[in-house]
Amino acid sequence: MNRLAPKIGAIFYILWGLVHINAAYALLTLGWSLDPGMVQARVFQDAWNILAGAVVAIIVGAVMNWRNSRAGFWINLVLVSLLDTAFVLFVLVPGYAPLWPGLQGPIAWVIAAVFSAVGVLAARREDTPGPAPSYGRAART
């Protein structure tokens, strides 16, 4: 399981990214339906930010999390947590979007974070040296 956990985490970060590429496209479509102005511009900006975050999460997941990188763990944990926390607080909690499919991203985020953490912690335990060999009286008997 220790070697499989980071790969499961990476797969769920990639799935999170794919869900958010779809969300960015939906925002782009919404933006096209709006009159030109500040609201349309901010919707386009939000679509761009979500797309950028999704692409980074996919790349980090595929390259770094797959290999159980500690840096990759922190990059995706912070990036995805920042993006999805805002979505949960400002979109899902007030009820502006239905819980399903709205929870697809947060569920993938939590699964990715848990499995990636298990992988990083297991690797850390493996890197920690065990007790020193005993060369005293007990070792000679």
N, C-alpha and C. Protein backbone atom coordinates (compact mmCIF):
# COMPACT_ATOMS: atom_id res chain seq x y z
N MET A 1 0.82 -1.20 0.00
CA MET A 1 0.00 0.00 0.00
C MET A 1 0.86 1.26 0.00
N ASN A 2 2.03 1.19 0.66
CA ASN A 2 2.89 2.37 0.75
C ASN A 2 3.31 2.88 -0.62
N ARG A 3 3.57 1.98 -1.55
CA ARG A 3 4.00 2.40 -2.89
C ARG A 3 2.80 2.77 -3.76
N LEU A 4 1.65 2.24 -3.43
CA LEU A 4 0.44 2.49 -4.21
C LEU A 4 -0.23 3.81 -3.81
N ALA A 5 -0.12 4.20 -2.56
CA ALA A 5 -0.81 5.39 -2.05
C ALA A 5 -0.48 6.66 -2.85
N PRO A 6 0.79 6.98 -3.12
CA PRO A 6 1.05 8.21 -3.86
C PRO A 6 0.50 8.16 -5.29
N LYS A 7 0.46 6.99 -5.87
CA LYS A 7 -0.08 6.86 -7.23
C LYS A 7 -1.60 7.09 -7.24
N ILE A 8 -2.28 6.58 -6.21
CA ILE A 8 -3.72 6.84 -6.09
C ILE A 8 -3.94 8.34 -5.88
N GLY A 9 -3.12 8.94 -5.02
CA GLY A 9 -3.22 10.39 -4.80
C GLY A 9 -3.00 11.16 -6.09
N ALA A 10 -2.00 10.76 -6.86
CA ALA A 10 -1.71 11.43 -8.14
C ALA A 10 -2.89 11.30 -9.10
N ILE A 11 -3.48 10.12 -9.17
CA ILE A 11 -4.62 9.91 -10.06
C ILE A 11 -5.77 10.84 -9.67
N PHE A 12 -6.02 10.99 -8.38
CA PHE A 12 -7.12 11.85 -7.95
C PHE A 12 -6.79 13.33 -8.14
N TYR A 13 -5.52 13.73 -8.06
CA TYR A 13 -5.16 15.11 -8.41
C TYR A 13 -5.38 15.34 -9.91
N ILE A 14 -5.06 14.34 -10.71
CA ILE A 14 -5.30 14.46 -12.16
C ILE A 14 -6.80 14.54 -12.44
N LEU A 15 -7.58 13.71 -11.77
CA LEU A 15 -9.04 13.78 -11.93
C LEU A 15 -9.58 15.14 -11.48
N TRP A 16 -9.04 15.65 -10.38
CA TRP A 16 -9.43 16.99 -9.91
C TRP A 16 -9.14 18.02 -11.00
N GLY A 17 -7.98 17.92 -11.60
CA GLY A 17 -7.62 18.86 -12.67
C GLY A 17 -8.56 18.76 -13.86
N LEU A 18 -8.93 17.55 -14.24
CA LEU A 18 -9.85 17.36 -15.37
C LEU A 18 -11.23 17.93 -15.06
N VAL A 19 -11.70 17.73 -13.84
CA VAL A 19 -12.98 18.31 -13.42
C VAL A 19 -12.91 19.84 -13.53
N HIS A 20 -11.77 20.41 -13.18
CA HIS A 20 -11.65 21.86 -13.19
C HIS A 20 -11.38 22.43 -14.59
N ILE A 21 -10.82 21.65 -15.48
CA ILE A 21 -10.76 22.09 -16.87
C ILE A 21 -12.18 22.21 -17.42
N ASN A 22 -13.01 21.25 -17.09
CA ASN A 22 -14.42 21.31 -17.47
C ASN A 22 -15.11 22.52 -16.83
N ALA A 23 -14.82 22.79 -15.56
CA ALA A 23 -15.40 23.95 -14.88
C ALA A 23 -14.94 25.26 -15.53
N ALA A 24 -13.68 25.32 -15.92
CA ALA A 24 -13.17 26.52 -16.59
C ALA A 24 -13.89 26.75 -17.92
N TYR A 25 -14.13 25.67 -18.64
CA TYR A 25 -14.87 25.78 -19.90
C TYR A 25 -16.30 26.26 -19.65
N ALA A 26 -16.93 25.74 -18.59
CA ALA A 26 -18.29 26.18 -18.25
C ALA A 26 -18.30 27.66 -17.90
N LEU A 27 -17.29 28.14 -17.21
CA LEU A 27 -17.20 29.57 -16.89
C LEU A 27 -16.96 30.39 -18.15
N LEU A 28 -16.16 29.89 -19.04
CA LEU A 28 -15.92 30.58 -20.31
C LEU A 28 -17.23 30.71 -21.08
N THR A 29 -18.00 29.64 -21.13
CA THR A 29 -19.30 29.66 -21.79
C THR A 29 -20.23 30.67 -21.12
N LEU A 30 -20.23 30.68 -19.78
CA LEU A 30 -21.02 31.66 -19.05
C LEU A 30 -20.58 33.08 -19.39
N GLY A 31 -19.28 33.30 -19.45
CA GLY A 31 -18.75 34.62 -19.78
C GLY A 31 -19.19 35.09 -21.16
N TRP A 32 -19.23 34.18 -22.13
CA TRP A 32 -19.65 34.55 -23.47
C TRP A 32 -21.11 35.00 -23.50
N SER A 33 -21.91 34.52 -22.55
CA SER A 33 -23.33 34.88 -22.53
C SER A 33 -23.58 36.23 -21.88
N LEU A 34 -22.57 36.79 -21.24
CA LEU A 34 -22.74 38.07 -20.53
C LEU A 34 -22.42 39.24 -21.45
N ASP A 35 -22.99 40.40 -21.09
CA ASP A 35 -22.66 41.62 -21.82
C ASP A 35 -21.22 42.00 -21.51
N PRO A 36 -20.51 42.57 -22.51
CA PRO A 36 -19.13 43.01 -22.25
C PRO A 36 -19.10 44.02 -21.10
N GLY A 37 -18.14 43.85 -20.24
CA GLY A 37 -17.99 44.74 -19.09
C GLY A 37 -17.20 44.05 -18.00
N MET A 38 -17.23 44.67 -16.83
CA MET A 38 -16.42 44.19 -15.71
C MET A 38 -16.85 42.79 -15.25
N VAL A 39 -18.16 42.51 -15.19
CA VAL A 39 -18.61 41.19 -14.74
C VAL A 39 -18.11 40.12 -15.71
N GLN A 40 -18.25 40.35 -17.01
CA GLN A 40 -17.78 39.39 -18.00
C GLN A 40 -16.26 39.20 -17.87
N ALA A 41 -15.54 40.29 -17.70
CA ALA A 41 -14.08 40.22 -17.58
C ALA A 41 -13.68 39.41 -16.36
N ARG A 42 -14.39 39.59 -15.23
CA ARG A 42 -14.04 38.85 -14.02
C ARG A 42 -14.38 37.37 -14.15
N VAL A 43 -15.45 37.04 -14.86
CA VAL A 43 -15.78 35.64 -15.10
C VAL A 43 -14.71 35.00 -15.98
N PHE A 44 -14.26 35.72 -17.01
CA PHE A 44 -13.17 35.21 -17.85
C PHE A 44 -11.88 35.03 -17.04
N GLN A 45 -11.61 36.00 -16.16
CA GLN A 45 -10.42 35.90 -15.31
C GLN A 45 -10.52 34.67 -14.40
N ASP A 46 -11.69 34.44 -13.83
CA ASP A 46 -11.88 33.28 -12.97
C ASP A 46 -11.70 31.98 -13.75
N ALA A 47 -12.23 31.95 -14.98
CA ALA A 47 -12.05 30.77 -15.83
C ALA A 47 -10.56 30.52 -16.09
N TRP A 48 -9.83 31.58 -16.37
CA TRP A 48 -8.38 31.47 -16.61
C TRP A 48 -7.67 30.94 -15.38
N ASN A 49 -7.99 31.49 -14.19
CA ASN A 49 -7.34 31.07 -12.96
C ASN A 49 -7.62 29.60 -12.65
N ILE A 50 -8.86 29.18 -12.84
CA ILE A 50 -9.20 27.78 -12.59
C ILE A 50 -8.49 26.87 -13.60
N LEU A 51 -8.45 27.29 -14.85
CA LEU A 51 -7.74 26.50 -15.86
C LEU A 51 -6.26 26.38 -15.51
N ALA A 52 -5.64 27.48 -15.13
CA ALA A 52 -4.21 27.46 -14.78
C ALA A 52 -3.96 26.54 -13.59
N GLY A 53 -4.80 26.64 -12.56
CA GLY A 53 -4.65 25.78 -11.39
C GLY A 53 -4.82 24.31 -11.75
N ALA A 54 -5.78 24.04 -12.64
CA ALA A 54 -6.03 22.66 -13.06
C ALA A 54 -4.84 22.09 -13.81
N VAL A 55 -4.27 22.88 -14.71
CA VAL A 55 -3.12 22.41 -15.49
C VAL A 55 -1.93 22.14 -14.57
N VAL A 56 -1.68 23.05 -13.64
CA VAL A 56 -0.56 22.86 -12.70
C VAL A 56 -0.81 21.61 -11.84
N ALA A 57 -2.03 21.44 -11.34
CA ALA A 57 -2.34 20.27 -10.50
C ALA A 57 -2.14 18.97 -11.28
N ILE A 58 -2.52 18.97 -12.54
CA ILE A 58 -2.34 17.76 -13.37
C ILE A 58 -0.86 17.47 -13.58
N ILE A 59 -0.10 18.49 -13.92
CA ILE A 59 1.34 18.29 -14.17
C ILE A 59 2.06 17.84 -12.90
N VAL A 60 1.79 18.53 -11.79
CA VAL A 60 2.44 18.16 -10.53
C VAL A 60 2.00 16.76 -10.11
N GLY A 61 0.72 16.45 -10.28
CA GLY A 61 0.24 15.12 -9.94
C GLY A 61 0.91 14.03 -10.75
N ALA A 62 0.99 14.26 -12.08
CA ALA A 62 1.55 13.25 -12.98
C ALA A 62 3.05 13.10 -12.81
N VAL A 63 3.74 14.19 -12.54
CA VAL A 63 5.21 14.14 -12.50
C VAL A 63 5.75 13.97 -11.08
N MET A 64 5.21 14.74 -10.15
CA MET A 64 5.79 14.75 -8.80
C MET A 64 5.06 13.84 -7.82
N ASN A 65 3.73 13.96 -7.74
CA ASN A 65 2.99 13.14 -6.79
C ASN A 65 3.11 11.65 -7.14
N TRP A 66 3.12 11.35 -8.43
CA TRP A 66 3.26 9.95 -8.87
C TRP A 66 4.54 9.33 -8.30
N ARG A 67 5.60 10.15 -8.22
CA ARG A 67 6.90 9.69 -7.71
C ARG A 67 7.05 9.93 -6.20
N ASN A 68 5.96 10.33 -5.56
CA ASN A 68 5.93 10.54 -4.11
C ASN A 68 6.87 11.66 -3.66
N SER A 69 6.91 12.73 -4.42
CA SER A 69 7.74 13.88 -4.08
C SER A 69 7.11 14.68 -2.94
N ARG A 70 7.93 15.00 -1.94
CA ARG A 70 7.44 15.84 -0.84
C ARG A 70 7.09 17.23 -1.34
N ALA A 71 7.92 17.78 -2.23
CA ALA A 71 7.62 19.11 -2.79
C ALA A 71 6.31 19.07 -3.57
N GLY A 72 6.12 18.03 -4.36
CA GLY A 72 4.88 17.88 -5.11
C GLY A 72 3.68 17.75 -4.19
N PHE A 73 3.85 17.04 -3.08
CA PHE A 73 2.79 16.91 -2.10
C PHE A 73 2.34 18.29 -1.63
N TRP A 74 3.32 19.13 -1.25
CA TRP A 74 2.97 20.45 -0.72
C TRP A 74 2.43 21.39 -1.79
N ILE A 75 2.99 21.33 -2.98
CA ILE A 75 2.51 22.19 -4.07
C ILE A 75 1.03 21.91 -4.34
N ASN A 76 0.69 20.64 -4.57
CA ASN A 76 -0.70 20.32 -4.89
C ASN A 76 -1.62 20.50 -3.69
N LEU A 77 -1.15 20.16 -2.50
CA LEU A 77 -2.00 20.33 -1.33
C LEU A 77 -2.38 21.81 -1.15
N VAL A 78 -1.41 22.69 -1.24
CA VAL A 78 -1.69 24.12 -1.05
C VAL A 78 -2.52 24.67 -2.20
N LEU A 79 -2.12 24.41 -3.44
CA LEU A 79 -2.83 24.93 -4.61
C LEU A 79 -4.28 24.48 -4.64
N VAL A 80 -4.50 23.19 -4.55
CA VAL A 80 -5.86 22.64 -4.66
C VAL A 80 -6.70 23.04 -3.45
N SER A 81 -6.09 23.08 -2.27
CA SER A 81 -6.82 23.51 -1.08
C SER A 81 -7.28 24.96 -1.21
N LEU A 82 -6.41 25.83 -1.69
CA LEU A 82 -6.80 27.23 -1.87
C LEU A 82 -7.94 27.38 -2.87
N LEU A 83 -7.84 26.68 -3.99
CA LEU A 83 -8.87 26.81 -5.02
C LEU A 83 -10.20 26.19 -4.58
N ASP A 84 -10.17 25.02 -3.98
CA ASP A 84 -11.42 24.36 -3.63
C ASP A 84 -12.06 24.92 -2.36
N THR A 85 -11.26 25.42 -1.43
CA THR A 85 -11.84 26.04 -0.23
C THR A 85 -12.70 27.24 -0.62
N ALA A 86 -12.20 28.06 -1.53
CA ALA A 86 -12.97 29.21 -2.00
C ALA A 86 -14.25 28.76 -2.70
N PHE A 87 -14.17 27.73 -3.51
CA PHE A 87 -15.35 27.21 -4.19
C PHE A 87 -16.39 26.72 -3.19
N VAL A 88 -15.94 25.96 -2.19
CA VAL A 88 -16.88 25.44 -1.19
C VAL A 88 -17.52 26.59 -0.42
N LEU A 89 -16.71 27.55 0.03
CA LEU A 89 -17.23 28.65 0.85
C LEU A 89 -18.13 29.63 0.08
N PHE A 90 -17.75 29.96 -1.15
CA PHE A 90 -18.45 31.02 -1.87
C PHE A 90 -19.47 30.54 -2.89
N VAL A 91 -19.43 29.24 -3.24
CA VAL A 91 -20.36 28.73 -4.25
C VAL A 91 -21.27 27.64 -3.67
N LEU A 92 -20.67 26.62 -3.05
CA LEU A 92 -21.49 25.51 -2.56
C LEU A 92 -22.28 25.84 -1.30
N VAL A 93 -21.62 26.43 -0.31
CA VAL A 93 -22.30 26.72 0.96
C VAL A 93 -23.50 27.65 0.77
N PRO A 94 -23.37 28.74 0.00
CA PRO A 94 -24.56 29.59 -0.20
C PRO A 94 -25.63 28.96 -1.10
N GLY A 95 -25.30 27.85 -1.75
CA GLY A 95 -26.27 27.15 -2.58
C GLY A 95 -26.36 27.66 -4.01
N TYR A 96 -25.31 28.32 -4.51
CA TYR A 96 -25.33 28.82 -5.89
C TYR A 96 -25.12 27.71 -6.91
N ALA A 97 -24.63 26.59 -6.46
CA ALA A 97 -24.46 25.42 -7.33
C ALA A 97 -24.99 24.20 -6.58
N PRO A 98 -25.52 23.23 -7.31
CA PRO A 98 -26.01 22.03 -6.62
C PRO A 98 -24.85 21.23 -6.03
N LEU A 99 -25.13 20.51 -4.95
CA LEU A 99 -24.08 19.72 -4.31
C LEU A 99 -23.50 18.68 -5.27
N TRP A 100 -24.34 18.14 -6.14
CA TRP A 100 -23.81 17.27 -7.18
C TRP A 100 -24.14 17.85 -8.51
N PRO A 101 -23.22 18.13 -9.35
CA PRO A 101 -21.84 17.64 -9.38
C PRO A 101 -20.82 18.52 -8.67
N GLY A 102 -21.30 19.51 -7.89
CA GLY A 102 -20.38 20.45 -7.24
C GLY A 102 -19.36 19.81 -6.32
N LEU A 103 -19.71 18.69 -5.71
CA LEU A 103 -18.79 18.04 -4.78
C LEU A 103 -17.76 17.15 -5.46
N GLN A 104 -17.82 17.00 -6.78
CA GLN A 104 -16.83 16.15 -7.47
C GLN A 104 -15.40 16.61 -7.19
N GLY A 105 -15.17 17.90 -7.33
CA GLY A 105 -13.83 18.44 -7.09
C GLY A 105 -13.38 18.28 -5.65
N PRO A 106 -14.18 18.75 -4.68
CA PRO A 106 -13.76 18.59 -3.28
C PRO A 106 -13.55 17.14 -2.86
N ILE A 107 -14.36 16.21 -3.37
CA ILE A 107 -14.16 14.79 -3.02
C ILE A 107 -12.83 14.30 -3.59
N ALA A 108 -12.54 14.64 -4.84
CA ALA A 108 -11.26 14.24 -5.45
C ALA A 108 -10.09 14.87 -4.68
N TRP A 109 -10.27 16.13 -4.25
CA TRP A 109 -9.24 16.85 -3.49
C TRP A 109 -8.92 16.11 -2.19
N VAL A 110 -9.95 15.74 -1.43
CA VAL A 110 -9.74 15.08 -0.14
C VAL A 110 -9.09 13.71 -0.34
N ILE A 111 -9.57 12.94 -1.31
CA ILE A 111 -8.98 11.62 -1.57
C ILE A 111 -7.52 11.77 -1.99
N ALA A 112 -7.24 12.72 -2.88
CA ALA A 112 -5.86 12.95 -3.33
C ALA A 112 -4.96 13.35 -2.18
N ALA A 113 -5.45 14.26 -1.34
CA ALA A 113 -4.64 14.73 -0.21
C ALA A 113 -4.35 13.60 0.78
N VAL A 114 -5.36 12.78 1.08
CA VAL A 114 -5.18 11.69 2.04
C VAL A 114 -4.18 10.66 1.52
N PHE A 115 -4.37 10.20 0.29
CA PHE A 115 -3.46 9.17 -0.24
C PHE A 115 -2.05 9.72 -0.45
N SER A 116 -1.93 10.97 -0.88
CA SER A 116 -0.60 11.57 -1.03
C SER A 116 0.09 11.70 0.32
N ALA A 117 -0.67 12.07 1.34
CA ALA A 117 -0.09 12.19 2.69
C ALA A 117 0.37 10.83 3.20
N VAL A 118 -0.44 9.80 2.97
CA VAL A 118 -0.05 8.45 3.39
C VAL A 118 1.26 8.05 2.72
N GLY A 119 1.38 8.34 1.42
CA GLY A 119 2.60 8.01 0.70
C GLY A 119 3.82 8.74 1.23
N VAL A 120 3.68 10.04 1.47
CA VAL A 120 4.80 10.84 1.95
C VAL A 120 5.19 10.42 3.37
N LEU A 121 4.20 10.18 4.22
CA LEU A 121 4.51 9.77 5.59
C LEU A 121 5.14 8.39 5.64
N ALA A 122 4.68 7.48 4.79
CA ALA A 122 5.28 6.14 4.74
C ALA A 122 6.73 6.22 4.27
N ALA A 123 6.99 7.05 3.27
CA ALA A 123 8.36 7.21 2.78
C ALA A 123 9.24 7.83 3.86
N ARG A 124 8.67 8.74 4.62
CA ARG A 124 9.44 9.38 5.69
C ARG A 124 9.82 8.36 6.76
N ARG A 125 8.87 7.47 7.09
CA ARG A 125 9.16 6.42 8.07
C ARG A 125 10.25 5.49 7.57
N GLU A 126 10.23 5.19 6.26
CA GLU A 126 11.25 4.30 5.70
C GLU A 126 12.62 4.96 5.71
N ASP A 127 12.65 6.30 5.60
CA ASP A 127 13.92 7.02 5.60
C ASP A 127 14.50 7.18 7.00
N THR A 128 13.67 7.05 8.03
CA THR A 128 14.13 7.22 9.40
C THR A 128 14.94 6.00 9.81
N PRO A 129 16.17 6.23 10.25
CA PRO A 129 16.98 5.08 10.64
C PRO A 129 16.41 4.40 11.87
N GLY A 130 16.52 3.09 11.91
CA GLY A 130 16.07 2.30 13.05
C GLY A 130 17.06 2.38 14.19
N PRO A 131 16.83 1.61 15.21
CA PRO A 131 17.76 1.63 16.35
C PRO A 131 19.13 1.12 15.93
N ALA A 132 20.13 1.67 16.56
CA ALA A 132 21.51 1.25 16.26
C ALA A 132 21.71 -0.19 16.72
N PRO A 133 22.53 -0.93 16.00
CA PRO A 133 22.78 -2.32 16.42
C PRO A 133 23.45 -2.35 17.79
N SER A 134 23.09 -3.35 18.57
CA SER A 134 23.65 -3.48 19.91
C SER A 134 24.91 -4.33 19.83
N TYR A 135 25.99 -3.78 20.35
CA TYR A 135 27.25 -4.53 20.37
C TYR A 135 27.68 -4.86 21.80
N GLY A 136 26.76 -4.71 22.72
CA GLY A 136 27.08 -4.95 24.14
C GLY A 136 26.98 -6.41 24.48
N ARG A 137 26.83 -6.70 25.73
CA ARG A 137 26.80 -8.06 26.26
C ARG A 137 25.64 -8.86 25.64
N ALA A 138 24.48 -8.26 25.46
CA ALA A 138 23.32 -8.98 24.95
C ALA A 138 23.59 -9.49 23.52
N ALA A 139 24.38 -8.78 22.77
CA ALA A 139 24.65 -9.18 21.38
C ALA A 139 25.56 -10.38 21.33
N ARG A 140 26.39 -10.60 22.34
CA ARG A 140 27.35 -11.70 22.32
C ARG A 140 26.75 -13.02 22.77
N THR A 141 25.62 -12.99 23.44
CA THR A 141 25.08 -14.23 24.00
C THR A 141 24.25 -14.98 23.02
